[in-house]
Amino acid sequence: MIWAKQLIEDNYALERVIGCGDSGIVIAARHARLGLRVALKFLRPDKPRTPEVIKRFVREGQITARIQNAHVTRVLDIGRLPDAEPFLVLEYLQGCDLAALLNGRGPLVSADAVEYVRQACAGVASAHAVGVIHRDLKPSNLFLTMAPNGTPLVKILDFGIAEQNSSSGEPTVNPTELGSAPVVAPEQLRAEGRADVKSDVWALGATLFTLLTGRPPFARSYASETYLAILSGRIPDLTALRPDIERPLAAVVERCLAADPEQRFASAAELATALNPFAKQSPPASSRRPIRARTHREPPAKTGASSHC
């Protein structure tokens, strides 16, 4: 790629690829004059550049920039390549996503998993406060880094298929565009395909189940089988997979995963409150070991890069 060998807009010196997802590629860079390290997100060069794809990419940056919360990755700017194609300037993060942490260490200590999801709830609640539904919350979209005081800090990544209500009340994306199979709430699979606050609550519960067991609650060999399992409403017994998990914590997860949205927690903030008794106040044990430097990344493509804490 020619642009990868030059300065972007005479502002950013590109360094290396740090992540590649289904639609985007993320590259570490430094501001040529300020020396500030950032992450630049581009559309993948092998993907089509339709007007809708470009519009959605720009919208991702605009939506994310509206959410002012320490648990959401900051968008610093939207730039343009010489051919006018947009790219996003993101804060540079060191650490790894929770999928990489899970792959490297196996199921997490319950208090650690609870703390990470509780932090994610704070970011999700801020998104909901400005009318944004993430629609694709999962371990690979939660990034574990360190706060300035040295404590673990979880940040939400990738608002690429987020839904935001316009002034007319209509969503700004196609509501039938699904997220990842294991974390799609039942209502997103039904004919209307709509997602709301409680759809993200469902995904947070699925994420917590995954962190505790090492597997998504409804995962099957094929996406179609996974969708049928989700729609069945039969929630796997968390304590059968993890006998050490307290029954009250399992009940919280089960409430998140209820097929009927009315039976779930009403908000991410309410879920966070329910999780408070199960989180330790000190830094999570699995994060006391120093996190080796890695960076902001999208979920890896099937042949893409990976990172480990």
Protein backbone atom coordinates (compact mmCIF):
# COMPACT_ATOMS: atom_id res chain seq x y z
CA MET A 1 0.00 0.00 0.00
CA ILE A 2 1.58 3.22 -1.17
CA TRP A 3 0.12 5.31 1.64
CA ALA A 4 1.75 3.00 4.19
CA LYS A 5 5.19 4.25 3.13
CA GLN A 6 4.56 7.93 3.58
CA LEU A 7 3.27 10.47 6.02
CA ILE A 8 -0.49 10.72 6.19
CA GLU A 9 -1.48 14.34 5.59
CA ASP A 10 2.11 15.25 6.65
CA ASN A 11 0.95 14.65 10.21
CA TYR A 12 1.33 10.98 11.07
CA ALA A 13 4.38 8.75 10.67
CA LEU A 14 3.13 5.18 10.25
CA GLU A 15 4.89 2.49 12.28
CA ARG A 16 3.29 -0.96 12.08
CA VAL A 17 0.03 -2.83 11.72
CA ILE A 18 -1.39 -3.65 15.14
CA GLY A 19 -4.78 -5.12 14.24
CA CYS A 20 -6.88 -6.32 11.35
CA GLY A 21 -10.60 -7.03 11.52
CA ASP A 22 -13.35 -7.90 9.10
CA SER A 23 -13.63 -4.38 7.73
CA GLY A 24 -10.73 -2.32 9.09
CA ILE A 25 -7.01 -2.27 9.68
CA VAL A 26 -5.37 -0.43 12.60
CA ILE A 27 -1.85 0.97 12.38
CA ALA A 28 0.30 2.47 15.13
CA ALA A 29 1.58 5.93 14.27
CA ARG A 30 3.18 9.02 15.75
CA HIS A 31 2.19 12.61 15.17
CA ALA A 32 5.05 14.00 13.11
CA ARG A 33 5.34 17.26 15.06
CA LEU A 34 3.89 16.50 18.49
CA GLY A 35 5.42 13.05 18.91
CA LEU A 36 2.08 11.79 20.22
CA ARG A 37 1.48 8.10 19.61
CA VAL A 38 -1.93 7.26 18.16
CA ALA A 39 -3.69 4.42 16.37
CA LEU A 40 -5.01 5.05 12.85
CA LYS A 41 -7.92 2.97 11.60
CA PHE A 42 -8.39 2.52 7.85
CA LEU A 43 -10.78 0.54 5.74
CA ARG A 44 -9.17 -2.71 4.73
CA PRO A 45 -7.62 -2.37 1.24
CA ASP A 46 -9.29 -5.59 0.03
CA LYS A 47 -12.81 -4.42 0.90
CA PRO A 48 -15.19 -2.59 -1.49
CA ARG A 49 -15.49 1.19 -1.15
CA THR A 50 -19.20 1.69 -1.62
CA PRO A 51 -20.81 4.97 -0.52
CA GLU A 52 -22.60 3.09 2.26
CA VAL A 53 -19.35 1.53 3.54
CA ILE A 54 -17.65 4.95 3.61
CA LYS A 55 -20.66 6.53 5.29
CA ARG A 56 -20.78 3.82 7.96
CA PHE A 57 -17.05 4.15 8.64
CA VAL A 58 -17.29 7.91 9.17
CA ARG A 59 -20.40 7.42 11.29
CA GLU A 60 -18.46 5.01 13.53
CA GLY A 61 -16.03 7.82 14.34
CA GLN A 62 -18.76 10.39 14.85
CA ILE A 63 -20.79 8.12 17.12
CA THR A 64 -17.82 7.04 19.22
CA ALA A 65 -16.60 10.62 19.64
CA ARG A 66 -19.94 11.55 21.22
CA ILE A 67 -19.44 9.10 24.09
CA GLN A 68 -17.31 10.78 26.73
CA ASN A 69 -16.36 8.02 29.14
CA ALA A 70 -13.06 6.55 30.36
CA HIS A 71 -14.31 3.09 29.38
CA VAL A 72 -14.82 3.94 25.69
CA THR A 73 -11.88 4.26 23.30
CA ARG A 74 -11.47 7.90 22.32
CA VAL A 75 -11.71 9.06 18.72
CA LEU A 76 -9.41 12.06 18.35
CA ASP A 77 -10.06 13.01 14.74
CA ILE A 78 -11.32 11.90 11.33
CA GLY A 79 -8.68 12.42 8.64
CA ARG A 80 -8.62 12.02 4.87
CA LEU A 81 -6.22 10.23 2.56
CA PRO A 82 -5.08 11.96 -0.65
CA ASP A 83 -7.96 10.27 -2.48
CA ALA A 84 -10.40 11.62 0.17
CA GLU A 85 -10.97 8.23 1.78
CA PRO A 86 -11.49 8.71 5.55
CA PHE A 87 -9.47 7.27 8.40
CA LEU A 88 -9.99 7.48 12.16
CA VAL A 89 -7.43 8.76 14.65
CA LEU A 90 -7.81 6.80 17.89
CA GLU A 91 -6.09 6.88 21.24
CA TYR A 92 -3.22 4.41 21.45
CA LEU A 93 -3.79 1.64 23.98
CA GLN A 94 -1.37 -0.81 25.55
CA GLY A 95 -2.67 -4.17 26.71
CA CYS A 96 -4.89 -6.75 25.01
CA ASP A 97 -8.54 -7.52 24.47
CA LEU A 98 -10.37 -9.91 26.79
CA ALA A 99 -10.61 -12.60 24.10
CA ALA A 100 -6.81 -12.70 23.95
CA LEU A 101 -6.65 -12.75 27.74
CA LEU A 102 -9.10 -15.65 27.80
CA ASN A 103 -7.23 -17.55 25.10
CA GLY A 104 -3.94 -17.12 26.95
CA ARG A 105 -5.10 -17.90 30.49
CA GLY A 106 -8.38 -19.77 30.26
CA PRO A 107 -11.52 -18.94 32.27
CA LEU A 108 -11.01 -16.02 34.63
CA VAL A 109 -11.34 -15.81 38.39
CA SER A 110 -14.94 -14.78 38.98
CA ALA A 111 -14.12 -11.49 40.72
CA ASP A 112 -11.84 -10.50 37.84
CA ALA A 113 -14.44 -11.30 35.20
CA VAL A 114 -17.10 -9.42 37.16
CA GLU A 115 -14.87 -6.36 37.53
CA TYR A 116 -14.11 -6.23 33.81
CA VAL A 117 -17.79 -6.48 32.86
CA ARG A 118 -18.75 -4.00 35.55
CA GLN A 119 -16.33 -1.49 34.01
CA ALA A 120 -17.77 -2.23 30.57
CA CYS A 121 -21.21 -1.45 31.99
CA ALA A 122 -20.04 2.10 32.74
CA GLY A 123 -19.02 2.65 29.13
CA VAL A 124 -22.19 1.06 27.79
CA ALA A 125 -24.34 3.19 30.11
CA SER A 126 -22.67 6.34 28.74
CA ALA A 127 -23.33 5.19 25.19
CA HIS A 128 -26.97 4.54 26.01
CA ALA A 129 -27.22 8.00 27.59
CA VAL A 130 -26.54 9.56 24.17
CA GLY A 131 -28.81 7.12 22.34
CA VAL A 132 -26.16 4.69 21.08
CA ILE A 133 -26.64 0.90 21.14
CA HIS A 134 -23.35 -0.97 20.57
CA ARG A 135 -24.93 -4.20 19.22
CA ASP A 136 -21.69 -6.20 19.18
CA LEU A 137 -20.37 -6.39 22.73
CA LYS A 138 -18.08 -9.39 23.25
CA PRO A 139 -14.67 -10.17 24.80
CA SER A 140 -12.74 -9.17 21.68
CA ASN A 141 -14.39 -5.72 21.76
CA LEU A 142 -13.37 -5.09 25.38
CA PHE A 143 -9.75 -3.99 25.73
CA LEU A 144 -7.82 -4.39 28.98
CA THR A 145 -5.27 -1.67 29.57
CA MET A 146 -3.96 0.20 32.63
CA ALA A 147 -5.23 3.42 34.15
CA PRO A 148 -2.67 6.12 35.07
CA ASN A 149 -2.75 4.90 38.68
CA GLY A 150 -1.76 1.38 37.55
CA THR A 151 -5.14 -0.30 38.04
CA PRO A 152 -6.78 -2.37 35.28
CA LEU A 153 -8.97 -0.37 32.92
CA VAL A 154 -11.42 -1.83 30.40
CA LYS A 155 -12.27 0.14 27.26
CA ILE A 156 -14.97 -0.64 24.70
CA LEU A 157 -13.85 -0.94 21.08
CA ASP A 158 -15.54 -0.95 17.69
CA PHE A 159 -18.82 0.90 17.32
CA GLY A 160 -18.86 -0.10 13.64
CA ILE A 161 -22.42 -1.48 13.68
CA ALA A 162 -23.70 0.68 16.50
CA GLU A 163 -27.22 2.01 16.20
CA GLN A 164 -28.07 5.59 17.09
CA ASN A 165 -31.53 7.09 17.05
CA SER A 166 -31.84 10.16 14.88
CA SER A 167 -34.09 13.10 15.63
CA SER A 168 -36.80 11.26 13.73
CA GLY A 169 -36.42 8.27 15.99
CA GLU A 170 -35.14 6.05 13.18
CA PRO A 171 -31.90 4.05 13.56
CA THR A 172 -28.88 5.26 11.58
CA VAL A 173 -27.91 1.73 10.46
CA ASN A 174 -29.75 -1.22 9.03
CA PRO A 175 -31.20 -2.90 12.14
CA THR A 176 -30.99 -6.32 10.47
CA GLU A 177 -27.18 -6.12 10.29
CA LEU A 178 -26.16 -8.69 12.87
CA GLY A 179 -23.24 -8.67 15.27
CA SER A 180 -21.17 -11.75 16.06
CA ALA A 181 -23.22 -14.95 16.22
CA PRO A 182 -22.57 -15.97 19.87
CA VAL A 183 -23.50 -12.55 21.28
CA VAL A 184 -26.56 -11.56 19.26
CA ALA A 185 -29.62 -11.05 21.48
CA PRO A 186 -32.77 -12.99 20.51
CA GLU A 187 -34.67 -9.89 19.42
CA GLN A 188 -31.93 -9.07 16.89
CA LEU A 189 -32.60 -12.42 15.22
CA ARG A 190 -36.33 -12.00 14.91
CA ALA A 191 -38.11 -10.51 11.91
CA GLU A 192 -37.97 -6.90 13.11
CA GLY A 193 -34.26 -7.18 13.93
CA ARG A 194 -34.35 -4.24 16.31
CA ALA A 195 -31.89 -3.76 19.16
CA ASP A 196 -32.21 -1.59 22.24
CA VAL A 197 -30.60 -1.03 25.64
CA LYS A 198 -31.58 -4.50 26.83
CA SER A 199 -29.93 -6.09 23.79
CA ASP A 200 -26.61 -4.74 25.03
CA VAL A 201 -27.44 -6.00 28.53
CA TRP A 202 -27.93 -9.47 27.01
CA ALA A 203 -24.51 -9.23 25.32
CA LEU A 204 -22.86 -8.14 28.57
CA GLY A 205 -24.32 -11.21 30.24
CA ALA A 206 -23.08 -13.42 27.39
CA THR A 207 -19.64 -11.83 27.74
CA LEU A 208 -19.53 -12.50 31.48
CA PHE A 209 -20.60 -16.12 30.90
CA THR A 210 -17.78 -16.45 28.34
CA LEU A 211 -15.14 -14.99 30.65
CA LEU A 212 -16.21 -17.36 33.44
CA THR A 213 -16.39 -20.55 31.37
CA GLY A 214 -14.15 -20.01 28.35
CA ARG A 215 -17.06 -20.46 25.92
CA PRO A 216 -20.05 -18.37 24.82
CA PRO A 217 -23.32 -19.58 26.35
CA PHE A 218 -25.01 -20.59 23.09
CA ALA A 219 -22.04 -21.31 20.81
CA ARG A 220 -22.48 -24.18 18.32
CA SER A 221 -20.49 -25.42 15.35
CA TYR A 222 -22.43 -23.30 12.85
CA ALA A 223 -23.91 -19.83 13.09
CA SER A 224 -27.37 -21.10 12.18
CA GLU A 225 -27.24 -23.60 15.06
CA THR A 226 -26.06 -20.85 17.40
CA TYR A 227 -28.99 -18.63 16.38
CA LEU A 228 -31.45 -21.46 17.03
CA ALA A 229 -29.93 -22.06 20.47
CA ILE A 230 -30.24 -18.36 21.31
CA LEU A 231 -33.85 -18.26 20.17
CA SER A 232 -34.69 -21.38 22.18
CA GLY A 233 -34.31 -19.44 25.42
CA ARG A 234 -32.73 -22.43 27.18
CA ILE A 235 -29.91 -20.88 29.21
CA PRO A 236 -26.98 -23.20 30.02
CA ASP A 237 -26.32 -23.86 33.71
CA LEU A 238 -23.31 -21.73 34.59
CA THR A 239 -22.70 -23.55 37.87
CA ALA A 240 -22.54 -26.91 36.06
CA LEU A 241 -19.60 -25.58 34.05
CA ARG A 242 -18.07 -23.67 36.98
CA PRO A 243 -19.13 -25.29 40.29
CA ASP A 244 -17.16 -22.67 42.22
CA ILE A 245 -19.39 -19.85 40.95
CA GLU A 246 -21.81 -18.52 43.55
CA ARG A 247 -25.43 -19.26 42.73
CA PRO A 248 -26.46 -15.58 43.16
CA LEU A 249 -23.87 -14.56 40.54
CA ALA A 250 -25.15 -17.26 38.19
CA ALA A 251 -28.66 -15.84 38.71
CA VAL A 252 -27.44 -12.39 37.60
CA VAL A 253 -26.01 -13.86 34.38
CA GLU A 254 -29.20 -15.83 33.74
CA ARG A 255 -31.30 -12.71 34.13
CA CYS A 256 -29.16 -10.95 31.53
CA LEU A 257 -29.68 -13.86 29.12
CA ALA A 258 -33.46 -14.05 29.47
CA ALA A 259 -35.12 -14.46 26.07
CA ASP A 260 -37.79 -11.94 27.05
CA PRO A 261 -36.19 -8.49 27.29
CA GLU A 262 -38.69 -7.50 29.98
CA GLN A 263 -37.13 -10.08 32.30
CA ARG A 264 -33.61 -8.64 31.98
CA PHE A 265 -32.02 -5.80 33.89
CA ALA A 266 -33.46 -2.51 32.69
CA SER A 267 -30.08 -0.92 32.02
CA ALA A 268 -26.33 -1.44 32.08
CA ALA A 269 -26.19 0.67 35.24
CA GLU A 270 -28.68 -1.66 36.95
CA LEU A 271 -26.58 -4.65 35.89
CA ALA A 272 -23.45 -3.01 37.31
CA THR A 273 -25.22 -2.52 40.64
CA ALA A 274 -26.23 -6.18 40.68
CA LEU A 275 -22.59 -7.17 40.05
CA ASN A 276 -21.15 -4.99 42.82
CA PRO A 277 -21.29 -7.67 45.57
CA PHE A 278 -19.25 -10.07 43.43
CA ALA A 279 -16.40 -7.71 42.50
CA LYS A 280 -13.33 -7.24 44.66
CA GLN A 281 -12.24 -3.74 45.55
CA SER A 282 -8.55 -4.35 44.95
CA PRO A 283 -7.07 -4.69 41.42
CA PRO A 284 -8.05 -8.00 39.78
CA ALA A 285 -5.60 -10.79 40.57
CA SER A 286 -5.11 -11.87 36.98
CA SER A 287 -3.98 -8.35 36.12
CA ARG A 288 -1.36 -7.91 38.82
CA ARG A 289 1.17 -9.44 36.49
CA PRO A 290 2.40 -6.56 34.27
CA ILE A 291 0.63 -6.36 30.92
CA ARG A 292 3.08 -6.61 28.05
CA ALA A 293 2.78 -3.78 25.60
CA ARG A 294 0.22 -4.39 22.89
CA THR A 295 -2.08 -1.94 21.27
CA HIS A 296 -5.61 -1.05 20.29
CA ARG A 297 -6.85 -3.59 17.81
CA GLU A 298 -9.98 -4.82 16.15
CA PRO A 299 -11.04 -8.43 16.65
CA PRO A 300 -8.57 -10.49 14.57
CA ALA A 301 -9.60 -11.68 11.15
CA LYS A 302 -9.52 -15.44 10.63
CA THR A 303 -5.90 -15.16 9.51
CA GLY A 304 -5.16 -11.96 11.37
CA ALA A 305 -2.93 -11.01 14.24
CA SER A 306 -3.44 -11.87 17.88
CA SER A 307 -2.18 -10.42 21.13
CA HIS A 308 -1.67 -11.74 24.63
CA CYS A 309 -1.55 -10.12 28.02
